[in-house]
N, C-alpha and C. Protein backbone atom coordinates (compact mmCIF):
# COMPACT_ATOMS: atom_id res chain seq x y z
N UNK A 1 -5.10 9.63 -4.42
CA UNK A 1 -6.03 8.12 -5.41
C UNK A 1 -6.37 9.14 -6.34
N UNK A 2 -6.55 10.71 -6.53
CA UNK A 2 -6.66 11.50 -7.53
C UNK A 2 -6.29 11.36 -8.47
N UNK A 3 -4.77 11.40 -8.24
CA UNK A 3 -4.09 11.09 -9.18
C UNK A 3 -3.84 9.99 -9.85
N UNK A 4 -3.88 8.81 -8.86
CA UNK A 4 -3.84 7.18 -9.53
C UNK A 4 -4.55 7.32 -10.58
N UNK A 5 -6.09 7.76 -10.01
CA UNK A 5 -7.19 7.32 -10.71
C UNK A 5 -6.91 8.32 -11.84
N UNK A 6 -6.51 9.62 -12.51
CA UNK A 6 -6.14 9.95 -13.99
C UNK A 6 -5.30 9.53 -14.47
N UNK A 7 -4.14 9.05 -13.56
CA UNK A 7 -3.24 8.48 -14.53
C UNK A 7 -3.60 7.03 -14.77
N UNK A 8 -4.48 6.48 -14.31
CA UNK A 8 -5.13 5.17 -14.47
C UNK A 8 -3.86 3.79 -14.32
N UNK A 9 -3.38 4.28 -12.69
CA UNK A 9 -2.55 3.45 -11.87
C UNK A 9 -2.70 2.95 -10.88
N UNK A 10 -2.23 1.55 -10.41
CA UNK A 10 -2.91 1.29 -8.98
C UNK A 10 -2.08 2.44 -8.05
N UNK A 11 -3.07 2.67 -6.98
CA UNK A 11 -3.18 3.85 -6.30
C UNK A 11 -1.60 3.59 -4.81
N UNK A 12 -1.58 2.24 -4.90
CA UNK A 12 -0.99 1.85 -3.72
C UNK A 12 0.55 1.69 -4.18
N UNK A 13 0.55 1.04 -5.49
CA UNK A 13 1.96 0.83 -6.28
C UNK A 13 2.17 2.68 -6.39
N UNK A 14 2.16 3.16 -7.45
CA UNK A 14 2.04 4.71 -7.60
C UNK A 14 3.17 5.30 -5.90
N UNK A 15 2.46 5.32 -4.73
CA UNK A 15 3.09 5.68 -3.74
C UNK A 15 4.60 5.43 -4.05
N UNK A 16 4.40 3.62 -3.95
CA UNK A 16 5.66 2.91 -3.53
C UNK A 16 6.70 3.37 -4.75
N UNK A 17 6.19 3.39 -6.50
CA UNK A 17 7.31 4.14 -7.37
C UNK A 17 7.34 6.12 -6.61
N UNK A 18 6.72 6.38 -5.71
CA UNK A 18 7.13 7.42 -5.91
C UNK A 18 8.94 7.84 -4.28
N UNK A 19 8.33 6.67 -3.68
CA UNK A 19 9.12 6.59 -2.55
C UNK A 19 10.65 5.83 -3.13
N UNK A 20 10.63 5.13 -4.57
CA UNK A 20 11.45 4.70 -4.42
C UNK A 20 12.72 5.71 -5.06
N UNK A 21 12.06 6.95 -5.63
CA UNK A 21 12.36 8.13 -6.46
C UNK A 21 13.23 8.79 -5.37
N UNK A 22 12.61 8.65 -4.26
CA UNK A 22 13.83 9.97 -2.97
C UNK A 22 14.63 9.09 -2.07
N UNK A 23 14.53 7.50 -1.92
CA UNK A 23 15.55 6.76 -1.86
C UNK A 23 16.55 7.02 -1.59
N UNK A 24 17.95 7.77 -0.81
CA UNK A 24 18.84 8.28 -0.72
C UNK A 24 18.89 9.53 -0.81
N UNK A 25 18.61 9.98 -1.02
CA UNK A 25 18.03 12.07 -1.40
C UNK A 25 18.59 12.56 -0.19
N UNK A 26 19.34 13.65 -0.37
CA UNK A 26 19.96 14.51 0.67
C UNK A 26 19.17 15.89 0.76
N UNK A 27 17.56 15.86 0.16
CA UNK A 27 16.81 17.00 0.32
C UNK A 27 16.22 17.35 1.65
N UNK A 28 16.93 18.38 2.31
CA UNK A 28 16.58 18.76 3.50
C UNK A 28 14.95 18.47 3.36
N UNK A 29 14.10 18.85 2.57
CA UNK A 29 12.38 19.58 3.10
C UNK A 29 11.89 17.24 2.73
N UNK A 30 12.74 16.26 2.70
CA UNK A 30 12.56 15.46 2.87
C UNK A 30 12.85 14.77 4.59
N UNK A 31 11.70 14.56 4.90
CA UNK A 31 11.79 14.34 6.43
C UNK A 31 11.86 13.15 6.94
N UNK A 32 10.72 12.22 6.22
CA UNK A 32 10.14 10.97 6.43
C UNK A 32 11.40 10.12 5.89
N UNK A 33 10.97 8.98 6.25
CA UNK A 33 12.17 7.78 6.30
C UNK A 33 11.34 6.98 4.81
N UNK A 34 12.13 7.23 3.69
CA UNK A 34 11.23 6.50 2.56
C UNK A 34 11.18 4.72 2.77
N UNK A 35 12.51 4.19 3.02
CA UNK A 35 12.61 2.65 3.20
C UNK A 35 11.55 2.37 4.39
N UNK A 36 11.45 3.30 5.48
CA UNK A 36 10.47 3.20 6.51
C UNK A 36 8.89 2.48 6.20
N UNK A 37 8.86 3.89 5.50
CA UNK A 37 7.45 4.33 5.12
C UNK A 37 7.11 2.56 4.38
N UNK A 38 8.32 3.05 3.43
CA UNK A 38 7.65 1.77 2.51
C UNK A 38 7.40 -0.32 2.93
N UNK A 39 7.62 0.05 3.81
CA UNK A 39 7.69 -0.59 4.95
C UNK A 39 6.42 -1.21 5.67
N UNK A 40 6.13 0.17 6.39
CA UNK A 40 4.56 0.32 6.76
C UNK A 40 3.58 0.07 5.80
N UNK A 41 3.64 0.41 4.50
CA UNK A 41 2.53 0.71 3.48
C UNK A 41 2.55 -0.90 3.13
N UNK A 42 3.39 -1.71 3.08
CA UNK A 42 3.50 -2.84 2.39
C UNK A 42 3.04 -3.68 3.61
N UNK A 43 3.64 -3.63 4.73
CA UNK A 43 2.61 -4.15 5.88
C UNK A 43 1.29 -4.57 5.95
N UNK A 44 0.76 -2.41 5.65
CA UNK A 44 -0.92 -3.00 5.98
C UNK A 44 -1.39 -3.10 4.67
N UNK A 45 -1.07 -2.95 3.35
CA UNK A 45 -1.30 -3.90 2.41
C UNK A 45 -1.54 -5.27 2.69
N UNK A 46 -1.11 -6.05 3.46
CA UNK A 46 -0.51 -7.74 3.61
C UNK A 46 -1.74 -7.40 4.73
N UNK A 47 -1.87 -7.02 5.89
CA UNK A 47 -2.22 -6.88 6.94
C UNK A 47 -4.05 -6.96 6.76
N UNK A 48 -4.52 -6.24 6.02
CA UNK A 48 -5.65 -5.64 5.58
C UNK A 48 -6.71 -6.50 4.34
N UNK A 49 -5.42 -6.93 3.91
CA UNK A 49 -6.42 -7.97 2.68
C UNK A 49 -6.70 -7.10 1.30
N UNK A 50 -5.58 -6.52 1.13
CA UNK A 50 -5.61 -4.83 0.37
C UNK A 50 -6.09 -5.97 -0.80
N UNK A 51 -7.37 -5.37 -1.67
CA UNK A 51 -7.79 -5.50 -2.98
C UNK A 51 -8.41 -7.52 -3.08
N UNK A 52 -8.24 -7.74 -2.01
CA UNK A 52 -9.15 -9.24 -1.55
C UNK A 52 -10.07 -9.45 -0.26
N UNK A 53 -10.96 -8.46 -0.49
CA UNK A 53 -12.05 -8.36 0.29
C UNK A 53 -12.96 -8.88 -0.57
N UNK A 54 -14.13 -9.24 0.10
CA UNK A 54 -14.90 -10.43 -0.23
C UNK A 54 -16.22 -9.18 -1.18
N UNK A 55 -17.20 -9.42 -2.24
CA UNK A 55 -18.02 -8.59 -2.88
C UNK A 55 -19.16 -7.74 -1.63
N UNK A 56 -18.90 -6.62 -1.59
CA UNK A 56 -19.66 -6.02 -0.86
C UNK A 56 -18.85 -5.10 -0.34
N UNK A 57 -17.84 -5.66 0.28
CA UNK A 57 -16.76 -4.99 0.65
C UNK A 57 -15.19 -3.84 0.13
N UNK A 58 -15.95 -2.19 0.74
CA UNK A 58 -15.31 -1.44 -0.47
C UNK A 58 -13.80 -0.72 1.10
N UNK A 59 -13.07 -0.51 0.05
CA UNK A 59 -11.75 -0.30 0.67
C UNK A 59 -10.76 1.38 0.55
N UNK A 60 -10.52 1.87 1.35
CA UNK A 60 -9.67 2.87 1.65
C UNK A 60 -8.32 2.88 1.71
N UNK A 61 -7.28 3.12 0.73
CA UNK A 61 -5.83 4.00 1.58
C UNK A 61 -5.11 4.91 2.02
N UNK A 62 -4.55 4.67 2.97
CA UNK A 62 -3.74 6.43 3.43
C UNK A 62 -2.56 5.77 3.67
N UNK A 63 -1.69 6.43 3.57
CA UNK A 63 -0.23 6.90 4.40
C UNK A 63 0.00 8.03 4.95
N UNK A 64 1.04 8.42 5.77
CA UNK A 64 0.67 9.16 6.66
C UNK A 64 2.23 9.86 7.40
N UNK A 65 2.84 10.66 7.39
CA UNK A 65 3.71 10.94 8.05
C UNK A 65 3.92 11.90 9.20
N UNK A 66 4.00 12.02 11.01
CA UNK A 66 3.88 12.76 11.48
C UNK A 66 4.56 12.78 12.74
N UNK A 67 5.38 13.56 13.40
CA UNK A 67 5.72 13.32 14.71
C UNK A 67 7.17 12.64 14.91
N UNK A 68 7.86 12.51 13.39
CA UNK A 68 8.95 11.53 13.08
C UNK A 68 8.10 9.96 13.23
N UNK A 69 6.39 9.47 12.60
CA UNK A 69 6.41 8.37 12.91
C UNK A 69 5.60 7.91 11.84
N UNK A 70 5.92 6.97 11.17
CA UNK A 70 5.32 6.24 9.76
C UNK A 70 4.11 5.36 10.06
N UNK A 71 2.99 5.75 9.43
CA UNK A 71 1.39 5.36 9.44
C UNK A 71 1.19 5.21 7.96
N UNK A 72 0.62 3.85 7.95
CA UNK A 72 -0.73 3.37 6.99
C UNK A 72 -1.85 3.23 7.67
N UNK A 73 -3.32 3.18 7.01
CA UNK A 73 -3.84 2.92 7.16
C UNK A 73 -5.28 2.29 6.12
N UNK A 74 -6.05 1.31 6.00
CA UNK A 74 -6.89 0.97 5.48
C UNK A 74 -8.15 0.95 5.43
N UNK A 75 -9.35 1.29 5.46
CA UNK A 75 -10.52 1.45 5.82
C UNK A 75 -11.56 0.42 5.18
N UNK A 76 -12.56 -0.18 5.97
CA UNK A 76 -13.41 -0.91 4.91
C UNK A 76 -14.67 -0.27 5.33
N UNK A 77 -15.26 -0.59 4.04
CA UNK A 77 -16.66 0.07 4.53
C UNK A 77 -17.55 -0.79 3.55
N UNK A 78 -19.17 -1.04 4.42
CA UNK A 78 -19.48 -1.70 3.73
C UNK A 78 -21.14 -1.13 3.52
N UNK A 79 -22.09 -1.73 2.75
CA UNK A 79 -23.13 -0.71 2.57
C UNK A 79 -24.38 -1.49 3.40
N UNK A 80 -25.04 -0.96 4.34
CA UNK A 80 -25.69 -1.43 4.75
C UNK A 80 -27.29 -0.56 4.92
N UNK A 81 -28.35 -1.25 4.78
CA UNK A 81 -29.57 -0.08 4.55
C UNK A 81 -29.80 1.09 4.06
N UNK A 82 -28.70 0.93 2.91
CA UNK A 82 -28.44 1.57 1.94
C UNK A 82 -27.84 2.98 2.07
N UNK A 83 -26.82 2.57 3.89
CA UNK A 83 -25.85 3.69 3.95
C UNK A 83 -24.45 3.03 4.16
N UNK A 84 -23.57 3.42 3.91
CA UNK A 84 -22.05 3.24 4.38
C UNK A 84 -21.90 3.06 5.41
N UNK A 85 -21.18 2.26 6.11
CA UNK A 85 -20.53 1.82 7.04
C UNK A 85 -19.10 1.29 7.22
N UNK A 86 -17.84 2.19 8.03
CA UNK A 86 -16.96 1.92 8.47
C UNK A 86 -17.18 0.33 9.32
N UNK A 87 -16.50 -0.44 9.38
CA UNK A 87 -16.52 -1.49 9.86
C UNK A 87 -15.28 -2.17 10.07
N UNK A 88 -13.92 -1.53 9.41
CA UNK A 88 -12.94 -2.29 9.78
C UNK A 88 -11.77 -1.16 9.48
N UNK A 89 -10.84 -0.65 10.49
CA UNK A 89 -9.62 0.00 10.22
C UNK A 89 -8.67 -0.78 10.66
N UNK A 90 -7.04 -0.90 9.32
CA UNK A 90 -6.30 -1.64 9.65
C UNK A 90 -5.20 -0.65 9.41
N UNK A 91 -4.77 -0.84 10.86
CA UNK A 91 -3.33 0.31 11.34
C UNK A 91 -1.98 -0.21 11.05
N UNK A 92 -0.95 0.50 10.53
CA UNK A 92 0.07 -0.33 10.86
C UNK A 92 1.42 1.02 10.91
N UNK A 93 2.21 0.68 11.90
CA UNK A 93 2.77 2.20 12.40
C UNK A 93 4.07 2.00 12.65
N UNK A 94 4.89 2.88 12.18
CA UNK A 94 6.52 2.82 12.31
C UNK A 94 6.59 3.80 13.64
N UNK A 95 6.68 3.53 15.09
CA UNK A 95 7.28 4.58 16.01
C UNK A 95 8.18 4.35 16.82
N UNK A 96 9.18 3.42 15.99
CA UNK A 96 10.15 2.99 16.90
C UNK A 96 9.68 2.06 17.63
N UNK A 97 10.53 1.81 19.02
CA UNK A 97 10.42 0.74 19.92
C UNK A 97 9.44 1.36 20.08
N UNK A 98 8.48 -0.03 20.47
CA UNK A 98 6.94 0.46 21.58
C UNK A 98 7.72 0.18 23.14
N UNK A 99 7.35 0.81 23.72
CA UNK A 99 7.75 0.87 25.21
C UNK A 99 6.90 -0.01 25.91
N UNK A 100 5.42 0.44 25.79
CA UNK A 100 4.26 -0.05 25.67
C UNK A 100 3.06 -0.64 25.28
N UNK A 101 3.21 -1.70 25.16
CA UNK A 101 2.58 -1.99 23.66
C UNK A 101 1.10 -2.15 24.00
N UNK A 102 0.57 -1.91 25.45
CA UNK A 102 -0.61 -1.67 25.49
C UNK A 102 -1.50 -0.62 25.30
N UNK A 103 -0.46 0.87 25.69
CA UNK A 103 -0.90 2.14 26.03
C UNK A 103 -0.49 2.40 24.58
N UNK A 104 0.32 1.96 23.58
CA UNK A 104 0.88 2.48 22.81
C UNK A 104 -0.47 1.91 21.47
N UNK A 105 -0.82 0.18 21.50
CA UNK A 105 -1.97 0.18 21.11
C UNK A 105 -3.42 0.70 21.18
N UNK A 106 -3.72 0.96 22.66
CA UNK A 106 -4.73 2.35 23.12
C UNK A 106 -4.84 3.86 22.01
N UNK A 107 -3.65 4.16 21.81
CA UNK A 107 -3.16 5.69 21.16
C UNK A 107 -3.78 5.49 20.42
N UNK A 108 -3.21 4.22 19.08
CA UNK A 108 -3.55 4.25 18.23
C UNK A 108 -5.37 3.71 17.85
N UNK A 109 -5.79 2.87 18.52
CA UNK A 109 -7.67 2.56 18.40
C UNK A 109 -7.70 3.92 18.92
N UNK A 110 -7.83 4.68 19.91
CA UNK A 110 -7.91 6.21 20.36
C UNK A 110 -7.85 6.67 18.91
N UNK A 111 -6.70 6.94 18.13
CA UNK A 111 -6.55 8.31 17.26
C UNK A 111 -7.36 8.17 16.51
N UNK A 112 -7.95 6.30 15.67
CA UNK A 112 -8.17 6.41 14.30
C UNK A 112 -9.74 6.35 14.98
N UNK A 113 -10.41 6.20 15.92
CA UNK A 113 -11.65 6.12 16.35
C UNK A 113 -12.13 7.94 16.06
N UNK A 114 -11.69 8.54 17.20
CA UNK A 114 -11.64 9.85 16.52
C UNK A 114 -11.67 10.49 15.40
N UNK A 115 -10.81 10.10 14.62
CA UNK A 115 -10.77 10.78 13.61
C UNK A 115 -11.44 10.16 12.68
N UNK A 116 -12.14 9.18 12.86
CA UNK A 116 -13.34 8.63 12.03
C UNK A 116 -14.74 9.16 12.83
N UNK A 117 -14.50 9.99 13.97
CA UNK A 117 -15.64 11.23 14.63
C UNK A 117 -15.43 12.08 13.72
N UNK A 118 -14.39 12.52 13.55
CA UNK A 118 -13.76 14.06 12.87
C UNK A 118 -14.67 13.87 11.76
N UNK A 119 -13.77 13.15 10.59
CA UNK A 119 -14.46 13.12 9.18
C UNK A 119 -15.71 12.97 9.15
N UNK A 120 -16.51 11.88 10.01
CA UNK A 120 -17.80 11.88 9.97
C UNK A 120 -18.68 12.80 10.17
N UNK A 121 -18.92 13.13 11.09
CA UNK A 121 -19.58 13.58 12.09
C UNK A 121 -19.58 15.29 12.60
N UNK A 122 -18.18 15.46 13.21
CA UNK A 122 -17.68 16.75 14.12
C UNK A 122 -17.69 17.62 13.31
N UNK A 123 -18.72 18.75 13.39
CA UNK A 123 -19.52 19.74 12.80
C UNK A 123 -18.93 21.34 13.73
N UNK A 124 -18.00 21.90 13.24
CA UNK A 124 -17.97 23.41 14.28
C UNK A 124 -18.48 24.85 13.37
N UNK A 125 -19.47 24.64 13.40
CA UNK A 125 -19.54 26.42 12.52
C UNK A 125 -19.66 27.74 13.28
N UNK A 126 -19.90 28.71 12.96
CA UNK A 126 -20.09 29.88 13.48
C UNK A 126 -21.62 30.11 12.82
N UNK A 127 -22.47 31.07 13.87
CA UNK A 127 -23.27 31.60 13.42
C UNK A 127 -23.69 32.84 14.14
N UNK A 128 -23.76 34.70 12.83
CA UNK A 128 -23.31 35.72 13.87
C UNK A 128 -22.23 35.74 14.60
N UNK A 129 -21.00 35.16 13.99
CA UNK A 129 -19.83 35.53 14.84
C UNK A 129 -19.87 34.45 15.65
N UNK A 130 -20.71 33.71 16.42
CA UNK A 130 -20.55 32.83 17.57
C UNK A 130 -20.32 31.70 17.25
N UNK A 131 -20.13 30.89 17.93
CA UNK A 131 -20.11 28.88 17.75
C UNK A 131 -21.23 28.33 17.33
N UNK A 132 -21.46 27.63 16.67
CA UNK A 132 -23.04 26.90 17.04
C UNK A 132 -22.88 25.69 17.92
N UNK A 133 -21.37 25.31 17.94
CA UNK A 133 -21.59 23.90 18.61
C UNK A 133 -20.86 24.41 20.21
N UNK A 134 -21.57 25.25 20.96
CA UNK A 134 -20.63 25.97 22.51
C UNK A 134 -20.88 24.43 23.40
N UNK A 135 -21.32 23.38 23.35
CA UNK A 135 -21.24 22.44 25.07
C UNK A 135 -21.54 21.21 23.98
N UNK A 136 -20.82 20.04 24.60
CA UNK A 136 -20.83 18.57 23.82
C UNK A 136 -22.53 18.61 23.57
N UNK A 137 -23.39 18.90 24.27
CA UNK A 137 -24.89 18.69 23.06
C UNK A 137 -24.68 19.07 21.62
N UNK A 138 -24.20 19.66 21.55
CA UNK A 138 -24.48 20.57 20.48
C UNK A 138 -23.39 19.91 19.22
N UNK A 139 -22.20 19.76 19.90
CA UNK A 139 -21.47 18.82 18.90
C UNK A 139 -21.07 17.67 18.79
N UNK A 140 -21.10 17.21 17.47
CA UNK A 140 -22.03 15.44 17.48
C UNK A 140 -20.61 14.52 17.52
N UNK A 141 -20.52 13.86 17.87
CA UNK A 141 -19.25 13.05 18.85
C UNK A 141 -19.54 11.53 17.89
N UNK A 142 -18.66 10.27 17.98
CA UNK A 142 -18.73 8.95 17.40
C UNK A 142 -19.08 8.48 18.60
N UNK A 143 -20.33 7.48 18.10
CA UNK A 143 -20.94 6.53 19.84
C UNK A 143 -20.12 5.54 18.75
N UNK A 144 -20.44 4.68 20.54
CA UNK A 144 -20.35 3.13 20.62
C UNK A 144 -19.89 2.31 19.51
N UNK A 145 -21.66 2.33 19.13
CA UNK A 145 -22.09 1.89 17.86
C UNK A 145 -21.48 2.28 16.32
N UNK A 146 -21.14 3.52 16.52
CA UNK A 146 -20.52 3.90 15.63
C UNK A 146 -19.06 3.16 14.92
N UNK A 147 -18.10 3.14 16.22
CA UNK A 147 -17.05 2.18 16.31
C UNK A 147 -16.70 1.23 15.79
N UNK A 148 -15.67 1.49 15.30
CA UNK A 148 -15.36 0.06 13.74
C UNK A 148 -14.67 -1.00 14.94
N UNK A 149 -14.29 -1.81 14.20
CA UNK A 149 -13.17 -2.93 14.69
C UNK A 149 -11.72 -1.88 14.21
N UNK A 150 -10.51 -1.78 15.65
CA UNK A 150 -9.16 -0.91 14.61
C UNK A 150 -8.45 -2.56 15.08
N UNK A 151 -7.49 -2.70 13.68
CA UNK A 151 -6.66 -3.24 14.12
C UNK A 151 -5.26 -2.64 13.69
N UNK A 152 -4.39 -3.04 14.63
CA UNK A 152 -3.36 -2.69 15.12
C UNK A 152 -1.80 -3.44 14.80
N UNK A 153 -0.85 -2.78 13.92
CA UNK A 153 0.09 -3.68 13.56
C UNK A 153 1.28 -2.55 13.76
N UNK A 154 2.55 -2.97 14.81
CA UNK A 154 3.57 -2.07 15.02
C UNK A 154 4.77 -2.51 13.89
N UNK A 155 5.57 -2.40 13.39
CA UNK A 155 6.51 -2.82 12.73
C UNK A 155 8.02 -2.88 14.24
N UNK A 156 8.58 -3.82 14.03
CA UNK A 156 9.36 -3.82 15.50
C UNK A 156 10.94 -3.54 14.97
N UNK A 157 11.37 -2.73 15.24
CA UNK A 157 12.73 -2.29 15.12
C UNK A 157 13.73 -2.03 16.30
N UNK A 158 14.66 -0.78 16.46
CA UNK A 158 15.47 -0.22 17.24
C UNK A 158 15.57 1.03 17.01
N UNK A 159 15.01 1.57 16.81
CA UNK A 159 15.01 2.59 16.27
C UNK A 159 13.89 3.56 17.69
N UNK A 160 14.41 4.67 17.87
CA UNK A 160 14.37 5.42 19.11
C UNK A 160 12.57 5.47 18.76
N UNK A 161 12.02 5.87 19.97
CA UNK A 161 10.41 5.42 20.19
C UNK A 161 10.51 7.17 19.40
N UNK A 162 9.06 7.42 18.63
CA UNK A 162 8.64 8.19 18.22
C UNK A 162 7.48 8.65 18.87
N UNK A 163 6.72 9.85 18.08
CA UNK A 163 5.51 10.33 18.80
C UNK A 163 4.42 9.18 18.43
N UNK A 164 2.99 9.19 19.01
CA UNK A 164 2.02 8.15 18.97
C UNK A 164 1.04 8.38 19.22
N UNK A 165 0.63 9.89 19.72
CA UNK A 165 -0.68 10.21 20.62
C UNK A 165 -1.30 10.98 19.06
N UNK A 166 -0.99 11.54 17.90
CA UNK A 166 -1.64 11.95 17.08
C UNK A 166 -1.44 11.58 15.44
N UNK A 167 -0.51 10.72 15.40
CA UNK A 167 -0.50 10.03 13.64
C UNK A 167 -1.04 9.53 13.12
N UNK A 168 -2.40 8.79 14.27
CA UNK A 168 -2.99 7.48 13.63
C UNK A 168 -3.96 8.49 13.54
N UNK A 169 -4.46 9.78 13.67
CA UNK A 169 -5.87 10.18 13.77
C UNK A 169 -6.06 11.09 12.56
N UNK A 170 -4.84 11.76 11.94
CA UNK A 170 -5.32 12.21 10.36
C UNK A 170 -5.65 11.50 9.55
N UNK A 171 -4.94 10.48 9.44
CA UNK A 171 -5.14 9.37 8.31
C UNK A 171 -6.46 8.63 8.08
N UNK A 172 -7.35 8.70 9.36
CA UNK A 172 -8.27 7.80 9.31
C UNK A 172 -9.30 9.01 8.23
N UNK A 173 -9.76 10.03 8.59
CA UNK A 173 -10.25 10.10 7.74
C UNK A 173 -10.19 10.13 6.21
N UNK A 174 -9.09 10.64 5.74
CA UNK A 174 -8.43 10.26 4.15
C UNK A 174 -9.12 8.51 3.84
N UNK A 175 -8.56 8.14 4.47
CA UNK A 175 -8.78 6.48 4.37
C UNK A 175 -10.05 6.11 3.87
N UNK A 176 -10.88 6.67 5.29
CA UNK A 176 -12.81 6.41 5.05
C UNK A 176 -12.99 7.08 3.50
N UNK A 177 -12.80 8.45 3.61
CA UNK A 177 -12.90 9.70 2.17
C UNK A 177 -12.72 8.23 0.92
N UNK A 178 -11.56 7.75 0.72
CA UNK A 178 -11.30 6.74 -0.26
C UNK A 178 -12.20 5.49 -0.22
N UNK A 179 -12.41 5.37 0.74
CA UNK A 179 -13.51 3.91 0.51
C UNK A 179 -14.50 4.26 0.29
N UNK A 180 -15.37 5.19 0.78
CA UNK A 180 -16.28 5.97 0.49
C UNK A 180 -16.66 6.21 -1.34
N UNK A 181 -15.28 7.03 -1.47
CA UNK A 181 -15.40 6.93 -3.13
C UNK A 181 -15.46 5.42 -3.75
N UNK A 182 -14.71 4.35 -3.31
CA UNK A 182 -15.08 3.22 -3.81
C UNK A 182 -16.91 2.49 -3.49
N UNK A 183 -17.21 3.00 -2.46
CA UNK A 183 -19.06 2.64 -2.15
C UNK A 183 -19.55 3.58 -3.24
N UNK A 184 -19.40 4.54 -3.12
CA UNK A 184 -20.49 5.24 -3.48
C UNK A 184 -20.67 6.38 -5.08
N UNK A 185 -19.12 5.95 -5.15
CA UNK A 185 -18.21 6.62 -6.60
C UNK A 185 -18.56 7.87 -6.54
N UNK A 186 -18.64 8.52 -5.78
CA UNK A 186 -18.61 10.19 -4.53
C UNK A 186 -17.62 10.61 -4.67
N UNK A 187 -16.82 11.56 -4.64
CA UNK A 187 -15.64 12.10 -4.00
C UNK A 187 -15.97 13.05 -2.65
N UNK A 188 -15.64 12.90 -1.82
CA UNK A 188 -15.55 13.59 -0.78
C UNK A 188 -14.93 15.24 -0.29
N UNK A 189 -14.90 16.22 -0.23
CA UNK A 189 -13.85 16.89 -0.17
C UNK A 189 -14.23 17.09 1.39
N UNK A 190 -15.14 17.31 2.09
CA UNK A 190 -15.73 18.54 3.01
C UNK A 190 -16.31 17.61 4.49
N UNK A 191 -15.47 18.04 4.86
CA UNK A 191 -16.15 17.14 6.10
C UNK A 191 -16.67 17.92 7.11
N UNK A 192 -17.91 17.64 7.88
CA UNK A 192 -18.31 16.24 8.01
C UNK A 192 -19.07 15.32 7.04
N UNK A 193 -18.60 14.61 6.53
CA UNK A 193 -19.12 13.70 5.24
C UNK A 193 -20.56 13.25 5.66
N UNK A 194 -21.13 13.13 7.14
CA UNK A 194 -22.56 13.02 7.31
C UNK A 194 -23.44 14.62 6.75
N UNK A 195 -22.88 15.47 6.33
CA UNK A 195 -23.12 16.52 6.41
C UNK A 195 -23.74 16.99 4.81
N UNK A 196 -23.26 15.96 4.41
CA UNK A 196 -24.15 15.89 2.68
C UNK A 196 -24.35 14.24 2.30
N UNK A 197 -25.46 14.00 2.53
CA UNK A 197 -26.01 12.58 3.19
C UNK A 197 -26.13 12.06 1.71
N UNK A 198 -26.09 13.30 0.85
CA UNK A 198 -26.77 12.79 -0.77
C UNK A 198 -25.63 11.96 -1.64
N UNK A 199 -24.17 12.58 -1.13
CA UNK A 199 -22.90 11.92 -1.59
C UNK A 199 -22.54 10.78 -0.39
N UNK A 200 -23.15 10.30 0.84
CA UNK A 200 -22.61 8.96 1.03
C UNK A 200 -24.09 7.72 -0.04
N UNK A 201 -24.82 8.25 -0.36
CA UNK A 201 -25.76 7.44 -1.30
C UNK A 201 -24.78 6.30 -1.86
N UNK A 202 -25.09 5.33 -2.66
CA UNK A 202 -24.07 4.74 -3.37
C UNK A 202 -25.02 5.07 -5.20
N UNK A 203 -24.44 5.27 -6.02
CA UNK A 203 -24.41 5.52 -7.17
C UNK A 203 -25.75 4.37 -7.80
N UNK A 204 -26.41 4.93 -8.02
CA UNK A 204 -27.62 3.75 -8.02
C UNK A 204 -27.64 3.16 -10.23
N UNK A 205 -27.54 2.17 -10.00
CA UNK A 205 -26.86 1.17 -11.58
C UNK A 205 -28.22 1.51 -12.31
N UNK A 206 -27.72 2.16 -13.49
CA UNK A 206 -28.16 2.37 -15.03
C UNK A 206 -28.68 1.13 -15.35
N UNK A 207 -30.50 1.04 -15.59
CA UNK A 207 -31.02 -0.53 -16.23
C UNK A 207 -31.30 -0.12 -17.40
N UNK A 208 -30.54 -1.04 -18.24
CA UNK A 208 -31.06 -1.25 -19.61
C UNK A 208 -31.40 -1.77 -20.34
N UNK A 209 -32.76 -1.76 -21.05
CA UNK A 209 -33.58 -2.61 -21.79
C UNK A 209 -34.60 -2.80 -20.84
């Protein structure tokens, strides 16, 4: 997203343009499928209503690849009582043939919510060489009331089944960070985001006259 901002181009279109450049490549370093990633991105843009949300809803987009699965996520953030709140995450996954749809959906939802928890609250530090979070009462996890709605979609194809326990988790943090940038104007680089509350406050509009 930062590159797209610097280049003053659409962030999603920039990703699609880059994928076009590697289609048909024989470079062994490119392990993902540009065609499958492109389909995931376009499906996520459509299902999430990317760019067509009502005023006050800020969106962040991310696409990701790991364990041979292709993922795209859009996070919707709103400002409530002066603070940003994650209301919804739309996730599109290409993991090949979905053997157990209910189990697969649960894995994606759990991964997204866990990813939000790590990004927003999970702080694991050290003091005098010892971990400060040495039990669950010292480690902040996401709470039920903080969990957003997760809308999951799978790309239907006949490819062999691929990983699903991990792929939905990491991109959740990136999608939220991009949505928070849209909501507050601040770019967050350090997790957990809640540890820097000053960056979670929307920038005040300058009043002229």
